[in-house]
Amino acid sequence: MLGMERLKYLEQEKWKYPRVNASLNVDYTLRGDEVREGKAVTENISTRGVCLLVYERIEIGKELDLKIYLPDEKNPLETKGKIVWQAKAPLNINSNRLGIEFVEINDRDRERIVRYLCSLCKEVCAS
């Protein structure tokens, strides 16, 4: 069922925002009744969200506080996100992929993501 939910979400979104494959360290805090912390790695990132690889199962709809560590930057990017899809990670039976939509991000941090994306794909940003 989770695969169908992910497919439905991707069809609705139609990849409106370019995503770039990137492996970035992330600290997260699960918000709500059950507060817990964890560590993750990104699979890809855009200005509107991120795909995380985590070692636990977290329900769709849950919100997370995220600290994303961009290379060569002293302070992490801090944002709040909502899980919009979940799937088992390929090749690793112990991890899950979470599709996270940013629900709170300030303009400065969104610009930091833009600069990072442009550094990874200069030819796309230059055109």
Protein backbone atom coordinates (compact mmCIF):
# COMPACT_ATOMS: atom_id res chain seq x y z
CA MET A 1 0.00 0.00 0.00
CA LEU A 2 2.82 2.41 0.78
CA GLY A 3 4.10 2.08 -2.79
CA MET A 4 0.69 3.12 -4.14
CA GLU A 5 0.58 6.14 -1.81
CA ARG A 6 4.03 7.18 -3.03
CA LEU A 7 3.02 6.72 -6.67
CA LYS A 8 -0.13 8.78 -6.14
CA TYR A 9 1.86 11.56 -4.48
CA LEU A 10 4.50 11.60 -7.25
CA GLU A 11 1.81 11.69 -9.93
CA GLN A 12 0.17 14.68 -8.23
CA GLU A 13 3.45 16.51 -7.72
CA LYS A 14 4.87 15.60 -11.14
CA TRP A 15 8.32 16.62 -9.95
CA LYS A 16 7.51 20.34 -10.07
CA TYR A 17 10.85 21.17 -8.48
CA PRO A 18 14.16 19.75 -9.67
CA ARG A 19 15.76 17.26 -7.32
CA VAL A 20 19.44 16.56 -7.12
CA ASN A 21 20.93 13.36 -5.76
CA ALA A 22 22.97 14.30 -2.71
CA SER A 23 24.19 12.53 0.40
CA LEU A 24 23.90 14.99 3.29
CA ASN A 25 23.81 14.27 7.01
CA VAL A 26 20.56 15.13 8.77
CA ASP A 27 19.52 15.23 12.42
CA TYR A 28 15.78 14.98 12.96
CA THR A 29 13.33 15.23 15.82
CA LEU A 30 9.94 13.61 15.48
CA ARG A 31 7.30 16.07 16.65
CA GLY A 32 3.97 15.36 18.30
CA ASP A 33 2.94 13.02 21.10
CA GLU A 34 6.01 10.83 20.72
CA VAL A 35 9.12 13.03 20.61
CA ARG A 36 12.28 11.21 19.53
CA GLU A 37 15.51 12.06 17.78
CA GLY A 38 17.40 10.31 15.03
CA LYS A 39 20.00 10.61 12.31
CA ALA A 40 19.47 10.23 8.58
CA VAL A 41 21.13 10.75 5.21
CA THR A 42 19.53 12.44 2.23
CA GLU A 43 19.04 10.60 -1.03
CA ASN A 44 18.02 13.74 -2.92
CA ILE A 45 17.04 17.33 -2.17
CA SER A 46 15.09 20.19 -3.74
CA THR A 47 13.98 23.62 -2.61
CA ARG A 48 10.63 22.12 -1.54
CA GLY A 49 11.64 18.87 0.11
CA VAL A 50 14.03 16.03 0.64
CA CYS A 51 14.16 12.24 0.49
CA LEU A 52 15.67 10.77 3.67
CA LEU A 53 17.08 7.33 4.40
CA VAL A 54 16.24 6.36 8.00
CA TYR A 55 16.52 3.22 10.13
CA GLU A 56 13.03 3.33 11.56
CA ARG A 57 9.47 3.40 10.33
CA ILE A 58 7.67 6.72 10.76
CA GLU A 59 4.04 7.23 9.77
CA ILE A 60 3.00 9.31 6.79
CA GLY A 61 1.70 12.68 7.97
CA LYS A 62 4.09 12.97 10.93
CA GLU A 63 6.10 16.19 11.22
CA LEU A 64 9.83 16.45 11.83
CA ASP A 65 12.25 19.18 12.82
CA LEU A 66 15.24 18.84 10.49
CA LYS A 67 18.85 19.99 10.65
CA ILE A 68 20.45 19.46 7.25
CA TYR A 69 24.22 19.80 7.07
CA LEU A 70 25.32 21.38 3.80
CA PRO A 71 28.98 20.96 2.82
CA ASP A 72 31.36 23.78 3.68
CA GLU A 73 28.78 25.56 5.85
CA LYS A 74 29.23 26.12 9.56
CA ASN A 75 25.55 26.07 10.58
CA PRO A 76 22.98 23.48 9.52
CA LEU A 77 19.91 24.42 7.56
CA GLU A 78 16.95 24.18 9.96
CA THR A 79 13.45 23.46 8.71
CA LYS A 80 10.27 21.63 9.57
CA GLY A 81 8.95 18.93 7.28
CA LYS A 82 6.01 16.58 6.86
CA ILE A 83 6.27 12.97 5.69
CA VAL A 84 4.27 12.66 2.46
CA TRP A 85 5.36 9.16 1.40
CA GLN A 86 7.38 6.22 2.66
CA ALA A 87 8.97 3.19 1.02
CA LYS A 88 11.50 0.49 1.82
CA ALA A 89 14.99 1.47 0.73
CA PRO A 90 16.33 -0.74 -2.05
CA LEU A 91 19.27 -2.98 -1.17
CA ASN A 92 18.94 -2.37 2.58
CA ILE A 93 16.24 -4.25 4.44
CA ASN A 94 16.79 -2.21 7.60
CA SER A 95 16.16 1.26 6.20
CA ASN A 96 13.25 3.25 4.84
CA ARG A 97 12.98 6.14 2.43
CA LEU A 98 10.88 9.09 3.57
CA GLY A 99 9.59 11.77 1.22
CA ILE A 100 9.61 14.98 3.23
CA GLU A 101 7.87 18.17 2.14
CA PHE A 102 9.21 21.33 3.80
CA VAL A 103 6.35 22.99 5.68
CA GLU A 104 8.37 25.73 7.34
CA ILE A 105 11.56 27.10 5.85
CA ASN A 106 12.77 30.67 5.84
CA ASP A 107 13.86 32.45 2.67
CA ARG A 108 17.51 32.50 3.74
CA ASP A 109 17.64 28.72 4.14
CA ARG A 110 15.75 28.13 0.89
CA GLU A 111 18.37 30.32 -0.84
CA ARG A 112 21.10 28.21 0.76
CA ILE A 113 19.54 25.15 -0.88
CA VAL A 114 19.41 26.96 -4.24
CA ARG A 115 23.12 27.82 -3.97
CA TYR A 116 23.94 24.24 -3.05
CA LEU A 117 21.90 22.84 -5.95
CA CYS A 118 23.55 25.26 -8.36
CA SER A 119 26.97 24.22 -7.12
CA LEU A 120 26.08 20.62 -8.01
CA CYS A 121 24.63 21.35 -11.44
CA LYS A 122 26.11 24.63 -12.66
CA GLU A 123 25.23 23.93 -16.28
CA VAL A 124 21.51 23.63 -15.47
CA CYS A 125 21.43 26.81 -13.37
CA ALA A 126 23.39 28.81 -15.96
CA SER A 127 20.85 28.24 -18.73
